[in-house]
Protein backbone atom coordinates (compact mmCIF):
# COMPACT_ATOMS: atom_id res chain seq x y z
CA UNK A 1 59.28 133.56 108.99
CA UNK A 2 61.44 135.43 106.27
CA UNK A 3 60.75 133.44 102.84
CA UNK A 4 62.45 134.09 99.27
CA UNK A 5 60.93 137.06 96.96
CA UNK A 6 58.24 135.54 94.44
CA UNK A 7 58.95 136.51 90.90
CA UNK A 8 58.26 135.74 87.38
CA UNK A 9 59.62 132.60 85.87
CA UNK A 10 61.96 134.75 83.78
CA UNK A 11 63.54 136.76 86.39
CA UNK A 12 64.01 133.12 88.49
CA UNK A 13 65.76 131.82 85.38
CA UNK A 14 68.04 134.90 85.22
CA UNK A 15 68.71 134.65 89.04
CA UNK A 16 69.65 131.11 88.77
CA UNK A 17 72.08 131.63 85.96
CA UNK A 18 73.80 133.73 88.03
CA UNK A 19 73.84 131.57 91.03
CA UNK A 20 74.97 128.34 88.87
CA UNK A 21 77.90 130.46 87.51
CA UNK A 22 78.84 130.53 91.26
CA UNK A 23 78.05 127.03 92.13
CA UNK A 24 80.27 125.71 88.76
CA UNK A 25 83.41 127.88 90.46
CA UNK A 26 82.70 126.28 93.55
CA UNK A 27 82.94 123.04 92.20
CA UNK A 28 86.04 123.48 90.37
CA UNK A 29 87.86 124.94 93.27
CA UNK A 30 86.54 121.85 95.33
CA UNK A 31 87.96 119.57 92.82
CA UNK A 32 91.46 121.67 92.94
CA UNK A 33 91.19 121.17 97.06
CA UNK A 34 90.75 117.35 96.60
CA UNK A 35 93.84 117.07 94.42
CA UNK A 36 95.63 119.22 97.07
CA UNK A 37 94.41 116.81 99.67
CA UNK A 38 95.77 113.72 97.52
CA UNK A 39 99.15 115.54 97.34
CA UNK A 40 99.57 115.72 100.80
CA UNK A 41 102.54 113.51 102.90
CA UNK A 42 101.31 110.68 104.93
CA UNK A 43 102.83 109.03 107.92
CA UNK A 44 103.68 105.73 108.46
CA UNK A 45 101.45 104.10 111.46
CA UNK A 46 104.19 102.14 113.89
CA UNK A 47 102.30 101.76 116.91
CA UNK A 48 100.34 98.51 117.19
CA UNK A 49 96.69 99.27 118.01
CA UNK A 50 94.50 96.10 118.88
CA UNK A 51 90.72 96.73 118.92
CA UNK A 52 87.41 94.50 119.33
CA UNK A 53 84.87 94.27 117.09
CA UNK A 54 82.01 91.42 115.94
CA UNK A 55 84.72 88.65 115.02
CA UNK A 56 86.90 89.46 118.04
CA UNK A 57 90.24 91.25 117.98
CA UNK A 58 91.86 92.99 115.11
CA UNK A 59 94.62 94.95 114.68
CA UNK A 60 94.34 98.19 112.03
CA UNK A 61 95.84 96.26 109.05
CA UNK A 62 92.95 93.80 109.62
CA UNK A 63 90.48 96.84 109.57
CA UNK A 64 91.20 97.19 105.97
CA UNK A 65 89.72 93.99 104.75
CA UNK A 66 91.95 93.51 102.36
CA UNK A 67 91.67 96.64 100.41
CA UNK A 68 94.24 99.37 99.86
CA UNK A 69 92.28 102.29 101.77
CA UNK A 70 90.23 102.53 105.04
CA UNK A 71 87.99 105.56 106.35
CA UNK A 72 87.28 105.67 110.11
CA UNK A 73 84.66 107.49 111.58
CA UNK A 74 85.54 108.79 114.91
CA UNK A 75 82.39 107.85 116.65
CA UNK A 76 81.92 109.64 120.25
CA UNK A 77 81.07 107.37 122.62
CA UNK A 78 83.17 107.43 125.92
CA UNK A 79 83.53 104.55 128.30
CA UNK A 80 81.45 105.78 130.77
CA UNK A 81 78.23 106.78 128.36
CA UNK A 82 75.58 104.32 128.06
CA UNK A 83 74.73 105.31 124.88
CA UNK A 84 76.53 106.97 121.66
CA UNK A 85 76.46 110.35 120.58
CA UNK A 86 73.26 111.85 118.96
CA UNK A 87 74.99 113.98 116.44
CA UNK A 88 77.31 111.05 115.62
CA UNK A 89 74.49 109.06 115.07
CA UNK A 90 72.88 111.35 112.66
CA UNK A 91 75.81 111.00 110.55
CA UNK A 92 76.03 107.22 110.56
CA UNK A 93 72.36 107.18 109.98
CA UNK A 94 73.23 109.05 106.38
CA UNK A 95 76.29 106.43 105.40
CA UNK A 96 74.65 104.54 102.03
CA UNK A 97 75.53 101.22 100.79
CA UNK A 98 79.25 100.50 101.61
CA UNK A 99 79.71 98.03 98.47
CA UNK A 100 80.20 101.33 96.25
CA UNK A 101 83.08 102.11 98.52
CA UNK A 102 84.43 99.00 98.57
CA UNK A 103 84.15 98.08 94.85
CA UNK A 104 87.01 101.45 94.96
CA UNK A 105 89.41 99.52 97.15
CA UNK A 106 87.64 101.38 100.40
CA UNK A 107 86.89 99.86 103.77
CA UNK A 108 84.86 102.26 105.92
CA UNK A 109 84.10 101.82 109.67
CA UNK A 110 82.94 103.53 112.82
CA UNK A 111 85.66 103.12 116.16
CA UNK A 112 84.45 104.06 119.38
CA UNK A 113 86.61 104.24 122.89
CA UNK A 114 83.48 102.77 124.40
CA UNK A 115 84.36 99.12 125.49
CA UNK A 116 82.55 96.58 122.68
CA UNK A 117 80.17 95.21 125.22
CA UNK A 118 78.38 99.13 125.14
CA UNK A 119 78.78 99.44 121.21
CA UNK A 120 77.14 96.34 120.23
CA UNK A 121 73.47 96.48 122.08
CA UNK A 122 73.55 100.45 120.86
CA UNK A 123 74.37 99.43 117.45
CA UNK A 124 71.44 97.01 117.47
CA UNK A 125 69.27 99.32 118.65
CA UNK A 126 70.11 101.72 115.52
CA UNK A 127 70.18 98.77 113.41
CA UNK A 128 73.10 99.65 111.56
CA UNK A 129 75.43 96.93 109.80
CA UNK A 130 77.94 99.46 109.60
CA UNK A 131 81.43 97.74 110.92
CA UNK A 132 82.19 99.18 114.39
CA UNK A 133 84.89 98.83 116.61
CA UNK A 134 86.06 99.56 119.94
CA UNK A 135 89.55 101.35 120.51
CA UNK A 136 88.85 100.40 124.32
CA UNK A 137 92.24 100.27 126.44
CA UNK A 138 94.47 101.91 123.33
CA UNK A 139 95.75 104.88 122.86
CA UNK A 140 94.24 105.51 119.34
CA UNK A 141 91.74 108.19 120.12
CA UNK A 142 94.26 110.31 121.98
CA UNK A 143 96.97 109.52 118.77
CA UNK A 144 94.36 110.74 116.21
CA UNK A 145 93.17 113.85 118.57
CA UNK A 146 89.53 112.70 119.17
CA UNK A 147 89.80 112.12 122.80
CA UNK A 148 91.38 115.55 124.04
CA UNK A 149 92.55 116.49 127.97
CA UNK A 150 90.96 119.96 128.68
CA UNK A 151 91.07 120.96 132.11
CA UNK A 152 91.87 117.59 133.53
CA UNK A 153 88.98 116.09 131.90
CA UNK A 154 88.49 113.47 128.66
CA UNK A 155 86.72 115.16 126.32
CA UNK A 156 85.68 113.54 122.99
CA UNK A 157 85.11 115.16 119.69
CA UNK A 158 84.09 113.33 116.31
CA UNK A 159 86.08 112.94 113.40
CA UNK A 160 87.39 111.01 110.38
CA UNK A 161 90.46 109.42 109.69
CA UNK A 162 91.71 108.25 106.27
CA UNK A 163 94.67 105.61 106.03
CA UNK A 164 96.55 103.83 103.05
CA UNK A 165 97.97 100.40 103.22
CA UNK A 166 101.09 99.23 101.15
CA UNK A 167 101.53 95.21 101.81
CA UNK A 168 102.09 95.40 105.67
CA UNK A 169 102.73 98.90 106.05
CA UNK A 170 100.09 101.27 107.15
CA UNK A 171 100.15 104.93 106.38
CA UNK A 172 97.67 108.09 107.66
CA UNK A 173 97.11 110.16 105.14
CA UNK A 174 94.15 112.77 106.52
CA UNK A 175 92.39 113.73 109.08
CA UNK A 176 89.32 116.29 109.65
CA UNK A 177 87.25 117.36 112.66
CA UNK A 178 83.93 118.48 113.85
CA UNK A 179 83.02 121.32 110.97
CA UNK A 180 85.24 119.64 108.75
CA UNK A 181 82.64 116.55 108.71
CA UNK A 182 79.65 118.93 107.45
CA UNK A 183 78.55 117.89 103.88
CA UNK A 184 80.25 114.35 104.32
CA UNK A 185 78.36 110.88 104.03
CA UNK A 186 78.20 110.14 100.52
CA UNK A 187 80.59 107.63 98.84
CA UNK A 188 82.18 110.64 96.51
CA UNK A 189 82.33 112.81 99.38
CA UNK A 190 84.08 110.07 101.62
CA UNK A 191 86.50 109.28 98.69
CA UNK A 192 87.21 112.47 98.37
CA UNK A 193 89.35 112.32 101.39
CA UNK A 194 91.04 109.83 100.53
CA UNK A 195 95.13 109.51 99.02
CA UNK A 196 93.09 107.79 95.88
CA UNK A 197 90.17 109.79 95.41
CA UNK A 198 87.03 108.62 93.67
CA UNK A 199 89.65 107.15 90.77
CA UNK A 200 88.13 108.88 87.77
CA UNK A 201 90.41 110.01 85.16
CA UNK A 202 90.05 113.67 85.29
CA UNK A 203 91.32 113.32 88.64
CA UNK A 204 94.47 115.14 89.58
CA UNK A 205 97.53 113.75 90.23
CA UNK A 206 97.05 111.26 87.53
CA UNK A 207 97.71 107.72 88.68
CA UNK A 208 95.00 107.51 90.73
CA UNK A 209 92.10 106.11 88.82
CA UNK A 210 94.59 103.10 87.52
CA UNK A 211 96.00 102.52 91.06
CA UNK A 212 93.47 99.10 91.32
CA UNK A 213 94.32 98.22 87.90
CA UNK A 214 90.94 98.10 87.16
CA UNK A 215 88.44 100.34 84.87
CA UNK A 216 88.38 104.06 86.35
CA UNK A 217 85.97 105.19 89.02
CA UNK A 218 82.22 105.21 88.00
CA UNK A 219 82.85 102.85 85.30
CA UNK A 220 82.79 99.94 87.93
CA UNK A 221 79.70 101.50 89.38
CA UNK A 222 76.60 98.81 89.60
CA UNK A 223 73.91 98.00 91.34
CA UNK A 224 74.90 96.89 94.83
CA UNK A 225 73.52 93.54 94.90
CA UNK A 226 75.59 92.88 91.51
CA UNK A 227 78.68 93.26 93.00
CA UNK A 228 81.35 90.85 93.40
CA UNK A 229 83.79 90.86 96.28
């Protein structure tokens, strides 16, 4: 095993300060990239998709649960599989309490191509409470490029797609796949993918912090049992 060099505390501090400068530069670069992502144009969704979930049939606007933003995790679970993808399961295992997303007007759910009758027992086995819908029988997975045709076969890949709702109109704002999911899972990392971001005063472009007509993002943080719907 190759371990780090052993040095005196003073030498460690000097090396740590040098690394810290690079970390701060990376943070500033990430903030700039997130701002550029929020400036992406968006595409209106004019096709009606009907999903199946715990409360029966649901359309894409229904998945917003009355909130302006929706983050969908494309969970790999093909109709012929008996269980969901192991890597996707690891991703869902790390998702925290959804109340911290909801207070920022953002709803999170998983969507898979498997029938809901297969999703339900697997979800129970994993002990998850995250909303999970089936897109079985629709073109949703193919339209959002998580079910691909390669050499005459259907191939699944993981991804995340973000949507924005304006009244009855729904817009696709962002998607990322495979290695683009690295480092995601926390509340802030998911919000950074959305059009409204974390809704902090320092974020660019201006206006996102007041988009929901409430105090800026971090000012709304509470213990998760203190939130009111």
